[in-house]
Amino acid sequence: LSVAISQLPPQQKMVFKLSREEGYSREEVAEYLNISPNTVRNHLAKAVKFVQTYLKVFATILISIL
C-alpha cells in the first residue's frame, strides 16, 4: 500500500494521506490545502482508483508467482 501511495502525484498523495490516514473531512482537507472541496473530491477519487488498480495488479502478479 505504501508503494502505491508513494507513486501518486504530490497533491493526490497529500489529499489521500490527510483524508484516509489522518481522518480529516473533505472540507477540512480543502481548508488545510487552500483548495475547493470539489478539488479534494476529485483528487481523492483519482487516488483511490489508482491505489485500487495498483493493488489488484500486485495481487495478480503475486498469485501468479505462487
Protein backbone atom coordinates (compact mmCIF):
# COMPACT_ATOMS: atom_id res chain seq x y z
CA LEU A 1 0.00 0.00 0.00
CA SER A 2 2.77 2.44 0.87
CA VAL A 3 4.43 1.82 -2.50
CA ALA A 4 1.18 2.61 -4.30
CA ILE A 5 0.67 5.78 -2.28
CA SER A 6 4.26 6.88 -2.90
CA GLN A 7 3.61 6.79 -6.66
CA LEU A 8 0.71 9.24 -6.52
CA PRO A 9 1.19 12.81 -7.75
CA PRO A 10 2.07 15.14 -4.83
CA GLN A 11 -1.34 16.78 -4.46
CA GLN A 12 -3.22 13.47 -4.67
CA LYS A 13 -0.81 11.93 -2.18
CA MET A 14 -1.38 14.77 0.30
CA VAL A 15 -5.18 14.60 -0.08
CA PHE A 16 -5.14 10.81 0.28
CA LYS A 17 -2.97 10.89 3.40
CA LEU A 18 -4.94 13.66 5.09
CA SER A 19 -8.27 12.02 4.30
CA ARG A 20 -7.57 8.32 4.67
CA GLU A 21 -4.67 8.18 7.11
CA GLU A 22 -5.34 11.25 9.25
CA GLY A 23 -9.14 11.13 9.09
CA TYR A 24 -9.77 14.71 8.00
CA SER A 25 -13.08 15.51 6.29
CA ARG A 26 -13.20 16.76 2.70
CA GLU A 27 -13.89 20.27 3.96
CA GLU A 28 -11.01 20.14 6.44
CA VAL A 29 -8.59 18.95 3.75
CA ALA A 30 -9.82 21.69 1.41
CA GLU A 31 -9.28 24.35 4.04
CA TYR A 32 -5.86 22.99 5.04
CA LEU A 33 -4.63 22.87 1.42
CA ASN A 34 -6.48 26.03 0.38
CA ILE A 35 -8.36 24.26 -2.44
CA SER A 36 -12.06 23.66 -3.06
CA PRO A 37 -13.88 20.66 -1.58
CA ASN A 38 -14.68 19.54 -5.15
CA THR A 39 -10.97 19.51 -5.98
CA VAL A 40 -10.38 17.40 -2.88
CA ARG A 41 -13.13 15.03 -4.01
CA ASN A 42 -11.60 14.73 -7.49
CA HIS A 43 -8.06 14.16 -6.17
CA LEU A 44 -9.30 11.59 -3.69
CA ALA A 45 -11.33 9.71 -6.30
CA LYS A 46 -8.34 9.53 -8.65
CA ALA A 47 -6.01 8.49 -5.83
CA VAL A 48 -8.32 5.75 -4.58
CA LYS A 49 -8.82 4.42 -8.10
CA PHE A 50 -5.05 4.34 -8.70
CA VAL A 51 -4.36 2.58 -5.39
CA GLN A 52 -7.10 0.00 -6.02
CA THR A 53 -5.78 -0.72 -9.51
CA TYR A 54 -2.20 -0.93 -8.25
CA LEU A 55 -3.17 -3.40 -5.53
CA LYS A 56 -5.20 -5.55 -7.95
CA VAL A 57 -2.25 -5.77 -10.33
CA PHE A 58 0.12 -6.52 -7.45
CA ALA A 59 -2.19 -9.26 -6.14
CA THR A 60 -2.48 -10.80 -9.62
CA ILE A 61 1.29 -10.88 -10.00
CA LEU A 62 1.73 -12.29 -6.52
CA ILE A 63 -0.81 -15.04 -7.12
CA SER A 64 0.79 -15.98 -10.45
CA ILE A 65 4.19 -16.33 -8.75
CA LEU A 66 2.80 -18.63 -6.08
